[in-house]
Amino acid sequence: TRDIPPDELRQTLETLWAQGGAMSLLAAAPDVIADAEA
């Protein structure tokens, strides 16, 4: 996640937030549960 350009990450998260769904948010950033910075 830390290697994704900030604008791209922001757009991905905005898209997922607009779509709704908890699992997709986690699956979009697989290292979010393992990497503190992510």
Full PDB file with SEQRES, HELIX, SHEET, SSBOND, CRYST1, ORIGX, SCALE, CONECT and MASTER records, all heavy atoms in Angstrom:
SEQRES   1 A   38  THR ARG ASP ILE PRO PRO ASP GLU LEU ARG GLN THR LEU          
SEQRES   2 A   38  GLU THR LEU TRP ALA GLN GLY GLY ALA MET SER LEU LEU          
SEQRES   3 A   38  ALA ALA ALA PRO ASP VAL ILE ALA ASP ALA GLU ALA              
HELIX    1 AA1 PRO A    6  GLN A   19  1                                  14    
HELIX    2 AA2 ALA A   22  ALA A   28  1                                   7    
HELIX    3 AA3 PRO A   30  ILE A   33  5                                   4    
CRYST1    1.000    1.000    1.000  90.00  90.00  90.00 P 1           1          
ORIGX1      1.000000  0.000000  0.000000        0.00000                         
ORIGX2      0.000000  1.000000  0.000000        0.00000                         
ORIGX3      0.000000  0.000000  1.000000        0.00000                         
SCALE1      1.000000  0.000000  0.000000        0.00000                         
SCALE2      0.000000  1.000000  0.000000        0.00000                         
SCALE3      0.000000  0.000000  1.000000        0.00000                         
ATOM      1  N   THR A   1       0.827  -1.207   0.000  1.00  0.00           N  
ATOM      2  CA  THR A   1       0.000   0.000   0.000  1.00  0.00           C  
ATOM      3  C   THR A   1       0.861   1.256   0.000  1.00  0.00           C  
ATOM      4  O   THR A   1       0.548   2.245  -0.669  1.00  0.00           O  
ATOM      5  CB  THR A   1      -0.929  -0.014   1.225  1.00  0.00           C  
ATOM      6  OG1 THR A   1      -1.719  -1.200   1.189  1.00  0.00           O  
ATOM      7  CG2 THR A   1      -1.850   1.186   1.232  1.00  0.00           C  
ATOM      8  N   ARG A   2       1.951   1.198   0.724  1.00  0.00           N  
ATOM      9  CA  ARG A   2       2.822   2.379   0.815  1.00  0.00           C  
ATOM     10  C   ARG A   2       3.479   2.727  -0.526  1.00  0.00           C  
ATOM     11  O   ARG A   2       3.955   3.851  -0.717  1.00  0.00           O  
ATOM     12  CB  ARG A   2       3.897   2.143   1.869  1.00  0.00           C  
ATOM     13  CG  ARG A   2       4.908   1.076   1.499  1.00  0.00           C  
ATOM     14  CD  ARG A   2       6.012   0.917   2.516  1.00  0.00           C  
ATOM     15  NE  ARG A   2       5.563   0.227   3.716  1.00  0.00           N  
ATOM     16  CZ  ARG A   2       6.369  -0.059   4.739  1.00  0.00           C  
ATOM     17  NH1 ARG A   2       7.645   0.301   4.698  1.00  0.00           N  
ATOM     18  NH2 ARG A   2       5.921  -0.718   5.775  1.00  0.00           N  
ATOM     19  N   ASP A   3       3.510   1.727  -1.445  1.00  0.00           N  
ATOM     20  CA  ASP A   3       4.138   1.969  -2.750  1.00  0.00           C  
ATOM     21  C   ASP A   3       3.153   2.484  -3.794  1.00  0.00           C  
ATOM     22  O   ASP A   3       3.552   2.830  -4.909  1.00  0.00           O  
ATOM     23  CB  ASP A   3       4.792   0.682  -3.269  1.00  0.00           C  
ATOM     24  CG  ASP A   3       5.969   0.244  -2.406  1.00  0.00           C  
ATOM     25  OD1 ASP A   3       6.556   1.108  -1.735  1.00  0.00           O  
ATOM     26  OD2 ASP A   3       6.297  -0.959  -2.401  1.00  0.00           O  
ATOM     27  N   ILE A   4       1.877   2.512  -3.449  1.00  0.00           N  
ATOM     28  CA  ILE A   4       0.863   3.019  -4.382  1.00  0.00           C  
ATOM     29  C   ILE A   4       0.894   4.548  -4.335  1.00  0.00           C  
ATOM     30  O   ILE A   4       0.868   5.138  -3.253  1.00  0.00           O  
ATOM     31  CB  ILE A   4      -0.538   2.506  -3.995  1.00  0.00           C  
ATOM     32  CG1 ILE A   4      -0.564   0.971  -4.013  1.00  0.00           C  
ATOM     33  CG2 ILE A   4      -1.598   3.069  -4.930  1.00  0.00           C  
ATOM     34  CD1 ILE A   4      -1.861   0.385  -3.501  1.00  0.00           C  
ATOM     35  N   PRO A   5       0.981   5.208  -5.471  1.00  0.00           N  
ATOM     36  CA  PRO A   5       0.976   6.680  -5.465  1.00  0.00           C  
ATOM     37  C   PRO A   5      -0.230   7.205  -4.684  1.00  0.00           C  
ATOM     38  O   PRO A   5      -1.341   6.661  -4.801  1.00  0.00           O  
ATOM     39  CB  PRO A   5       0.875   7.041  -6.953  1.00  0.00           C  
ATOM     40  CG  PRO A   5       1.464   5.862  -7.662  1.00  0.00           C  
ATOM     41  CD  PRO A   5       1.098   4.666  -6.843  1.00  0.00           C  
ATOM     42  N   PRO A   6      -0.046   8.234  -3.870  1.00  0.00           N  
ATOM     43  CA  PRO A   6      -1.130   8.744  -3.018  1.00  0.00           C  
ATOM     44  C   PRO A   6      -2.419   9.041  -3.765  1.00  0.00           C  
ATOM     45  O   PRO A   6      -3.510   8.723  -3.270  1.00  0.00           O  
ATOM     46  CB  PRO A   6      -0.526  10.018  -2.413  1.00  0.00           C  
ATOM     47  CG  PRO A   6       0.952   9.755  -2.411  1.00  0.00           C  
ATOM     48  CD  PRO A   6       1.222   8.958  -3.652  1.00  0.00           C  
ATOM     49  N   ASP A   7      -2.329   9.634  -4.954  1.00  0.00           N  
ATOM     50  CA  ASP A   7      -3.541   9.959  -5.709  1.00  0.00           C  
ATOM     51  C   ASP A   7      -4.278   8.695  -6.134  1.00  0.00           C  
ATOM     52  O   ASP A   7      -5.515   8.635  -6.098  1.00  0.00           O  
ATOM     53  CB  ASP A   7      -3.197  10.799  -6.945  1.00  0.00           C  
ATOM     54  CG  ASP A   7      -2.763  12.209  -6.587  1.00  0.00           C  
ATOM     55  OD1 ASP A   7      -2.953  12.596  -5.410  1.00  0.00           O  
ATOM     56  OD2 ASP A   7      -2.232  12.911  -7.467  1.00  0.00           O  
ATOM     57  N   GLU A   8      -3.512   7.678  -6.521  1.00  0.00           N  
ATOM     58  CA  GLU A   8      -4.128   6.418  -6.944  1.00  0.00           C  
ATOM     59  C   GLU A   8      -4.778   5.710  -5.754  1.00  0.00           C  
ATOM     60  O   GLU A   8      -5.898   5.193  -5.864  1.00  0.00           O  
ATOM     61  CB  GLU A   8      -3.070   5.511  -7.581  1.00  0.00           C  
ATOM     62  CG  GLU A   8      -3.637   4.180  -8.069  1.00  0.00           C  
ATOM     63  CD  GLU A   8      -2.556   3.262  -8.621  1.00  0.00           C  
ATOM     64  OE1 GLU A   8      -1.467   3.756  -8.974  1.00  0.00           O  
ATOM     65  OE2 GLU A   8      -2.806   2.038  -8.668  1.00  0.00           O  
ATOM     66  N   LEU A   9      -4.085   5.706  -4.622  1.00  0.00           N  
ATOM     67  CA  LEU A   9      -4.642   5.077  -3.427  1.00  0.00           C  
ATOM     68  C   LEU A   9      -5.921   5.800  -3.003  1.00  0.00           C  
ATOM     69  O   LEU A   9      -6.923   5.152  -2.662  1.00  0.00           O  
ATOM     70  CB  LEU A   9      -3.617   5.089  -2.293  1.00  0.00           C  
ATOM     71  CG  LEU A   9      -4.102   4.520  -0.956  1.00  0.00           C  
ATOM     72  CD1 LEU A   9      -4.487   3.057  -1.099  1.00  0.00           C  
ATOM     73  CD2 LEU A   9      -3.040   4.697   0.130  1.00  0.00           C  
ATOM     74  N   ARG A  10      -5.865   7.109  -3.035  1.00  0.00           N  
ATOM     75  CA  ARG A  10      -7.038   7.889  -2.647  1.00  0.00           C  
ATOM     76  C   ARG A  10      -8.229   7.565  -3.535  1.00  0.00           C  
ATOM     77  O   ARG A  10      -9.348   7.364  -3.061  1.00  0.00           O  
ATOM     78  CB  ARG A  10      -6.713   9.390  -2.733  1.00  0.00           C  
ATOM     79  CG  ARG A  10      -7.887  10.301  -2.402  1.00  0.00           C  
ATOM     80  CD  ARG A  10      -8.129  10.348  -0.931  1.00  0.00           C  
ATOM     81  NE  ARG A  10      -9.358  11.033  -0.562  1.00  0.00           N  
ATOM     82  CZ  ARG A  10      -9.622  11.475   0.650  1.00  0.00           C  
ATOM     83  NH1 ARG A  10      -8.740  11.317   1.612  1.00  0.00           N  
ATOM     84  NH2 ARG A  10     -10.756  12.076   0.914  1.00  0.00           N  
ATOM     85  N   GLN A  11      -7.988   7.489  -4.838  1.00  0.00           N  
ATOM     86  CA  GLN A  11      -9.073   7.206  -5.774  1.00  0.00           C  
ATOM     87  C   GLN A  11      -9.649   5.815  -5.540  1.00  0.00           C  
ATOM     88  O   GLN A  11     -10.863   5.607  -5.579  1.00  0.00           O  
ATOM     89  CB  GLN A  11      -8.582   7.336  -7.217  1.00  0.00           C  
ATOM     90  CG  GLN A  11      -9.676   7.149  -8.254  1.00  0.00           C  
ATOM     91  CD  GLN A  11     -10.837   8.102  -8.046  1.00  0.00           C  
ATOM     92  OE1 GLN A  11     -10.653   9.319  -7.968  1.00  0.00           O  
ATOM     93  NE2 GLN A  11     -12.062   7.579  -7.937  1.00  0.00           N  
ATOM     94  N   THR A  12      -8.761   4.841  -5.267  1.00  0.00           N  
ATOM     95  CA  THR A  12      -9.222   3.482  -4.994  1.00  0.00           C  
ATOM     96  C   THR A  12     -10.099   3.445  -3.752  1.00  0.00           C  
ATOM     97  O   THR A  12     -11.176   2.837  -3.742  1.00  0.00           O  
ATOM     98  CB  THR A  12      -8.024   2.530  -4.809  1.00  0.00           C  
ATOM     99  OG1 THR A  12      -7.261   2.495  -6.019  1.00  0.00           O  
ATOM    100  CG2 THR A  12      -8.479   1.123  -4.459  1.00  0.00           C  
ATOM    101  N   LEU A  13      -9.644   4.100  -2.694  1.00  0.00           N  
ATOM    102  CA  LEU A  13     -10.414   4.114  -1.447  1.00  0.00           C  
ATOM    103  C   LEU A  13     -11.739   4.860  -1.615  1.00  0.00           C  
ATOM    104  O   LEU A  13     -12.768   4.427  -1.076  1.00  0.00           O  
ATOM    105  CB  LEU A  13      -9.578   4.737  -0.331  1.00  0.00           C  
ATOM    106  CG  LEU A  13      -8.329   3.958   0.088  1.00  0.00           C  
ATOM    107  CD1 LEU A  13      -7.530   4.737   1.138  1.00  0.00           C  
ATOM    108  CD2 LEU A  13      -8.692   2.573   0.622  1.00  0.00           C  
ATOM    109  N   GLU A  14     -11.726   5.936  -2.352  1.00  0.00           N  
ATOM    110  CA  GLU A  14     -12.972   6.686  -2.601  1.00  0.00           C  
ATOM    111  C   GLU A  14     -13.969   5.817  -3.372  1.00  0.00           C  
ATOM    112  O   GLU A  14     -15.171   5.810  -3.072  1.00  0.00           O  
ATOM    113  CB  GLU A  14     -12.682   7.972  -3.381  1.00  0.00           C  
ATOM    114  CG  GLU A  14     -11.975   9.058  -2.587  1.00  0.00           C  
ATOM    115  CD  GLU A  14     -12.901   9.778  -1.607  1.00  0.00           C  
ATOM    116  OE1 GLU A  14     -14.078   9.401  -1.486  1.00  0.00           O  
ATOM    117  OE2 GLU A  14     -12.429  10.732  -0.955  1.00  0.00           O  
ATOM    118  N   THR A  15     -13.458   5.092  -4.351  1.00  0.00           N  
ATOM    119  CA  THR A  15     -14.324   4.219  -5.147  1.00  0.00           C  
ATOM    120  C   THR A  15     -14.946   3.138  -4.274  1.00  0.00           C  
ATOM    121  O   THR A  15     -16.149   2.864  -4.353  1.00  0.00           O  
ATOM    122  CB  THR A  15     -13.531   3.581  -6.302  1.00  0.00           C  
ATOM    123  OG1 THR A  15     -13.027   4.614  -7.153  1.00  0.00           O  
ATOM    124  CG2 THR A  15     -14.410   2.634  -7.113  1.00  0.00           C  
ATOM    125  N   LEU A  16     -14.116   2.510  -3.422  1.00  0.00           N  
ATOM    126  CA  LEU A  16     -14.604   1.446  -2.552  1.00  0.00           C  
ATOM    127  C   LEU A  16     -15.573   1.992  -1.512  1.00  0.00           C  
ATOM    128  O   LEU A  16     -16.565   1.334  -1.178  1.00  0.00           O  
ATOM    129  CB  LEU A  16     -13.429   0.740  -1.869  1.00  0.00           C  
ATOM    130  CG  LEU A  16     -12.534  -0.075  -2.799  1.00  0.00           C  
ATOM    131  CD1 LEU A  16     -11.304  -0.567  -2.057  1.00  0.00           C  
ATOM    132  CD2 LEU A  16     -13.305  -1.254  -3.385  1.00  0.00           C  
ATOM    133  N   TRP A  17     -15.311   3.173  -0.991  1.00  0.00           N  
ATOM    134  CA  TRP A  17     -16.211   3.787  -0.013  1.00  0.00           C  
ATOM    135  C   TRP A  17     -17.572   4.066  -0.650  1.00  0.00           C  
ATOM    136  O   TRP A  17     -18.611   3.853  -0.036  1.00  0.00           O  
ATOM    137  CB  TRP A  17     -15.596   5.075   0.523  1.00  0.00           C  
ATOM    138  CG  TRP A  17     -16.324   5.676   1.687  1.00  0.00           C  
ATOM    139  CD1 TRP A  17     -17.261   6.660   1.654  1.00  0.00           C  
ATOM    140  CD2 TRP A  17     -16.171   5.324   3.070  1.00  0.00           C  
ATOM    141  NE1 TRP A  17     -17.713   6.951   2.918  1.00  0.00           N  
ATOM    142  CE2 TRP A  17     -17.051   6.143   3.816  1.00  0.00           C  
ATOM    143  CE3 TRP A  17     -15.383   4.403   3.750  1.00  0.00           C  
ATOM    144  CZ2 TRP A  17     -17.170   6.065   5.199  1.00  0.00           C  
ATOM    145  CZ3 TRP A  17     -15.493   4.323   5.134  1.00  0.00           C  
ATOM    146  CH2 TRP A  17     -16.372   5.147   5.848  1.00  0.00           C  
ATOM    147  N   ALA A  18     -17.550   4.520  -1.895  1.00  0.00           N  
ATOM    148  CA  ALA A  18     -18.800   4.817  -2.600  1.00  0.00           C  
ATOM    149  C   ALA A  18     -19.557   3.535  -2.930  1.00  0.00           C  
ATOM    150  O   ALA A  18     -20.795   3.518  -2.913  1.00  0.00           O  
ATOM    151  CB  ALA A  18     -18.511   5.595  -3.876  1.00  0.00           C  
ATOM    152  N   GLN A  19     -18.818   2.449  -3.211  1.00  0.00           N  
ATOM    153  CA  GLN A  19     -19.459   1.173  -3.535  1.00  0.00           C  
ATOM    154  C   GLN A  19     -20.022   0.498  -2.294  1.00  0.00           C  
ATOM    155  O   GLN A  19     -21.043  -0.176  -2.346  1.00  0.00           O  
ATOM    156  CB  GLN A  19     -18.447   0.233  -4.214  1.00  0.00           C  
ATOM    157  CG  GLN A  19     -18.043   0.659  -5.607  1.00  0.00           C  
ATOM    158  CD  GLN A  19     -16.951  -0.238  -6.178  1.00  0.00           C  
ATOM    159  OE1 GLN A  19     -16.383  -1.076  -5.477  1.00  0.00           O  
ATOM    160  NE2 GLN A  19     -16.650  -0.059  -7.449  1.00  0.00           N  
ATOM    161  N   GLY A  20     -19.335   0.667  -1.168  1.00  0.00           N  
ATOM    162  CA  GLY A  20     -19.734   0.009   0.063  1.00  0.00           C  
ATOM    163  C   GLY A  20     -19.207  -1.406   0.141  1.00  0.00           C  
ATOM    164  O   GLY A  20     -18.925  -2.043  -0.873  1.00  0.00           O  
ATOM    165  N   GLY A  21     -19.034  -1.888   1.372  1.00  0.00           N  
ATOM    166  CA  GLY A  21     -18.566  -3.255   1.572  1.00  0.00           C  
ATOM    167  C   GLY A  21     -17.254  -3.294   2.316  1.00  0.00           C  
ATOM    168  O   GLY A  21     -16.281  -2.671   1.898  1.00  0.00           O  
ATOM    169  N   ALA A  22     -17.253  -4.017   3.446  1.00  0.00           N  
ATOM    170  CA  ALA A  22     -16.067  -4.052   4.293  1.00  0.00           C  
ATOM    171  C   ALA A  22     -14.979  -4.960   3.734  1.00  0.00           C  
ATOM    172  O   ALA A  22     -13.797  -4.619   3.755  1.00  0.00           O  
ATOM    173  CB  ALA A  22     -16.451  -4.511   5.704  1.00  0.00           C  
ATOM    174  N   MET A  23     -15.371  -6.137   3.234  1.00  0.00           N  
ATOM    175  CA  MET A  23     -14.385  -7.102   2.753  1.00  0.00           C  
ATOM    176  C   MET A  23     -13.586  -6.558   1.574  1.00  0.00           C  
ATOM    177  O   MET A  23     -12.381  -6.780   1.468  1.00  0.00           O  
ATOM    178  CB  MET A  23     -15.070  -8.411   2.352  1.00  0.00           C  
ATOM    179  CG  MET A  23     -15.607  -9.214   3.512  1.00  0.00           C  
ATOM    180  SD  MET A  23     -14.302  -9.829   4.603  1.00  0.00           S  
ATOM    181  CE  MET A  23     -15.238 -10.964   5.630  1.00  0.00           C  
ATOM    182  N   SER A  24     -14.254  -5.833   0.667  1.00  0.00           N  
ATOM    183  CA  SER A  24     -13.551  -5.301  -0.508  1.00  0.00           C  
ATOM    184  C   SER A  24     -12.516  -4.269  -0.098  1.00  0.00           C  
ATOM    185  O   SER A  24     -11.450  -4.160  -0.712  1.00  0.00           O  
ATOM    186  CB  SER A  24     -14.538  -4.707  -1.506  1.00  0.00           C  
ATOM    187  OG  SER A  24     -15.302  -3.687  -0.907  1.00  0.00           O  
ATOM    188  N   LEU A  25     -12.807  -3.512   0.967  1.00  0.00           N  
ATOM    189  CA  LEU A  25     -11.845  -2.512   1.439  1.00  0.00           C  
ATOM    190  C   LEU A  25     -10.574  -3.196   1.937  1.00  0.00           C  
ATOM    191  O   LEU A  25      -9.466  -2.756   1.662  1.00  0.00           O  
ATOM    192  CB  LEU A  25     -12.467  -1.669   2.552  1.00  0.00           C  
ATOM    193  CG  LEU A  25     -11.668  -0.440   2.993  1.00  0.00           C  
ATOM    194  CD1 LEU A  25     -11.668   0.620   1.906  1.00  0.00           C  
ATOM    195  CD2 LEU A  25     -12.226   0.145   4.280  1.00  0.00           C  
ATOM    196  N   LEU A  26     -10.750  -4.309   2.667  1.00  0.00           N  
ATOM    197  CA  LEU A  26      -9.576  -5.043   3.142  1.00  0.00           C  
ATOM    198  C   LEU A  26      -8.846  -5.734   1.993  1.00  0.00           C  
ATOM    199  O   LEU A  26      -7.610  -5.745   1.943  1.00  0.00           O  
ATOM    200  CB  LEU A  26     -10.009  -6.087   4.182  1.00  0.00           C  
ATOM    201  CG  LEU A  26     -10.482  -5.557   5.534  1.00  0.00           C  
ATOM    202  CD1 LEU A  26     -10.947  -6.708   6.419  1.00  0.00           C  
ATOM    203  CD2 LEU A  26      -9.379  -4.775   6.247  1.00  0.00           C  
ATOM    204  N   ALA A  27      -9.615  -6.320   1.078  1.00  0.00           N  
ATOM    205  CA  ALA A  27      -8.996  -7.063  -0.016  1.00  0.00           C  
ATOM    206  C   ALA A  27      -8.238  -6.136  -0.969  1.00  0.00           C  
ATOM    207  O   ALA A  27      -7.263  -6.554  -1.606  1.00  0.00           O  
ATOM    208  CB  ALA A  27     -10.061  -7.837  -0.784  1.00  0.00           C  
ATOM    209  N   ALA A  28      -8.655  -4.874  -1.070  1.00  0.00           N  
ATOM    210  CA  ALA A  28      -7.999  -3.923  -1.974  1.00  0.00           C  
ATOM    211  C   ALA A  28      -6.606  -3.565  -1.492  1.00  0.00           C  
ATOM    212  O   ALA A  28      -5.745  -3.169  -2.277  1.00  0.00           O  
ATOM    213  CB  ALA A  28      -8.838  -2.672  -2.103  1.00  0.00           C  
ATOM    214  N   ALA A  29      -6.374  -3.692  -0.198  1.00  0.00           N  
ATOM    215  CA  ALA A  29      -5.054  -3.401   0.377  1.00  0.00           C  
ATOM    216  C   ALA A  29      -4.660  -4.583   1.263  1.00  0.00           C  
ATOM    217  O   ALA A  29      -4.811  -4.521   2.480  1.00  0.00           O  
ATOM    218  CB  ALA A  29      -5.095  -2.105   1.173  1.00  0.00           C  
ATOM    219  N   PRO A  30      -4.210  -5.702   0.665  1.00  0.00           N  
ATOM    220  CA  PRO A  30      -3.987  -6.935   1.423  1.00  0.00           C  
ATOM    221  C   PRO A  30      -3.010  -6.799   2.585  1.00  0.00           C  
ATOM    222  O   PRO A  30      -3.064  -7.588   3.523  1.00  0.00           O  
ATOM    223  CB  PRO A  30      -3.438  -7.901   0.361  1.00  0.00           C  
ATOM    224  CG  PRO A  30      -3.922  -7.367  -0.941  1.00  0.00           C  
ATOM    225  CD  PRO A  30      -3.950  -5.887  -0.772  1.00  0.00           C  
ATOM    226  N   ASP A  31      -2.126  -5.797   2.520  1.00  0.00           N  
ATOM    227  CA  ASP A  31      -1.148  -5.655   3.610  1.00  0.00           C  
ATOM    228  C   ASP A  31      -1.663  -4.758   4.729  1.00  0.00           C  
ATOM    229  O   ASP A  31      -0.940  -4.481   5.686  1.00  0.00           O  
ATOM    230  CB  ASP A  31       0.176  -5.114   3.077  1.00  0.00           C  
ATOM    231  CG  ASP A  31       0.051  -3.721   2.447  1.00  0.00           C  
ATOM    232  OD1 ASP A  31      -1.084  -3.285   2.171  1.00  0.00           O  
ATOM    233  OD2 ASP A  31       1.093  -3.078   2.227  1.00  0.00           O  
ATOM    234  N   VAL A  32      -2.920  -4.324   4.647  1.00  0.00           N  
ATOM    235  CA  VAL A  32      -3.431  -3.382   5.638  1.00  0.00           C  
ATOM    236  C   VAL A  32      -3.505  -4.011   7.025  1.00  0.00           C  
ATOM    237  O   VAL A  32      -3.421  -3.305   8.034  1.00  0.00           O  
ATOM    238  CB  VAL A  32      -4.817  -2.836   5.205  1.00  0.00           C  
ATOM    239  CG1 VAL A  32      -5.911  -3.868   5.391  1.00  0.00           C  
ATOM    240  CG2 VAL A  32      -5.159  -1.560   5.963  1.00  0.00           C  
ATOM    241  N   ILE A  33      -3.643  -5.334   7.115  1.00  0.00           N  
ATOM    242  CA  ILE A  33      -3.695  -5.978   8.428  1.00  0.00           C  
ATOM    243  C   ILE A  33      -2.318  -6.441   8.902  1.00  0.00           C  
ATOM    244  O   ILE A  33      -2.201  -6.985   9.997  1.00  0.00           O  
ATOM    245  CB  ILE A  33      -4.675  -7.170   8.446  1.00  0.00           C  
ATOM    246  CG1 ILE A  33      -4.228  -8.269   7.478  1.00  0.00           C  
ATOM    247  CG2 ILE A  33      -6.089  -6.722   8.159  1.00  0.00           C  
ATOM    248  CD1 ILE A  33      -5.008  -9.561   7.635  1.00  0.00           C  
ATOM    249  N   ALA A  34      -1.307  -6.205   8.070  1.00  0.00           N  
ATOM    250  CA  ALA A  34       0.039  -6.668   8.435  1.00  0.00           C  
ATOM    251  C   ALA A  34       1.060  -5.548   8.555  1.00  0.00           C  
ATOM    252  O   ALA A  34       2.052  -5.690   9.270  1.00  0.00           O  
ATOM    253  CB  ALA A  34       0.534  -7.692   7.405  1.00  0.00           C  
ATOM    254  N   ASP A  35       0.833  -4.450   7.894  1.00  0.00           N  
ATOM    255  CA  ASP A  35       1.805  -3.367   7.829  1.00  0.00           C  
ATOM    256  C   ASP A  35       1.234  -2.129   8.516  1.00  0.00           C  
ATOM    257  O   ASP A  35       0.194  -1.600   8.107  1.00  0.00           O  
ATOM    258  CB  ASP A  35       2.142  -3.065   6.368  1.00  0.00           C  
ATOM    259  CG  ASP A  35       3.199  -1.984   6.234  1.00  0.00           C  
ATOM    260  OD1 ASP A  35       2.824  -0.793   6.249  1.00  0.00           O  
ATOM    261  OD2 ASP A  35       4.391  -2.324   6.125  1.00  0.00           O  
ATOM    262  N   ALA A  36       1.890  -1.671   9.548  1.00  0.00           N  
ATOM    263  CA  ALA A  36       1.366  -0.561  10.349  1.00  0.00           C  
ATOM    264  C   ALA A  36       1.226   0.717   9.528  1.00  0.00           C  
ATOM    265  O   ALA A  36       0.256   1.465   9.701  1.00  0.00           O  
ATOM    266  CB  ALA A  36       2.274  -0.316  11.558  1.00  0.00           C  
ATOM    267  N   GLU A  37       2.174   0.968   8.645  1.00  0.00           N  
ATOM    268  CA  GLU A  37       2.103   2.181   7.835  1.00  0.00           C  
ATOM    269  C   GLU A  37       0.933   2.119   6.865  1.00  0.00           C  
ATOM    270  O   GLU A  37       0.188   3.095   6.693  1.00  0.00           O  
ATOM    271  CB  GLU A  37       3.407   2.372   7.063  1.00  0.00           C  
ATOM    272  CG  GLU A  37       3.453   3.661   6.250  1.00  0.00           C  
ATOM    273  CD  GLU A  37       4.775   3.862   5.529  1.00  0.00           C  
ATOM    274  OE1 GLU A  37       5.803   3.310   5.986  1.00  0.00           O  
ATOM    275  OE2 GLU A  37       4.766   4.571   4.507  1.00  0.00           O  
ATOM    276  N   ALA A  38       0.742   0.958   6.229  1.00  0.00           N  
ATOM    277  CA  ALA A  38      -0.385   0.784   5.313  1.00  0.00           C  
ATOM    278  C   ALA A  38      -1.694   0.932   6.070  1.00  0.00           C  
ATOM    279  O   ALA A  38      -2.651   1.556   5.593  1.00  0.00           O  
ATOM    280  CB  ALA A  38      -0.298  -0.582   4.644  1.00  0.00           C  
TER     281      ALA A  38                                                      
MASTER        0    0    0    3    0    0    0    6  280    1    0    3          
END                                                                             
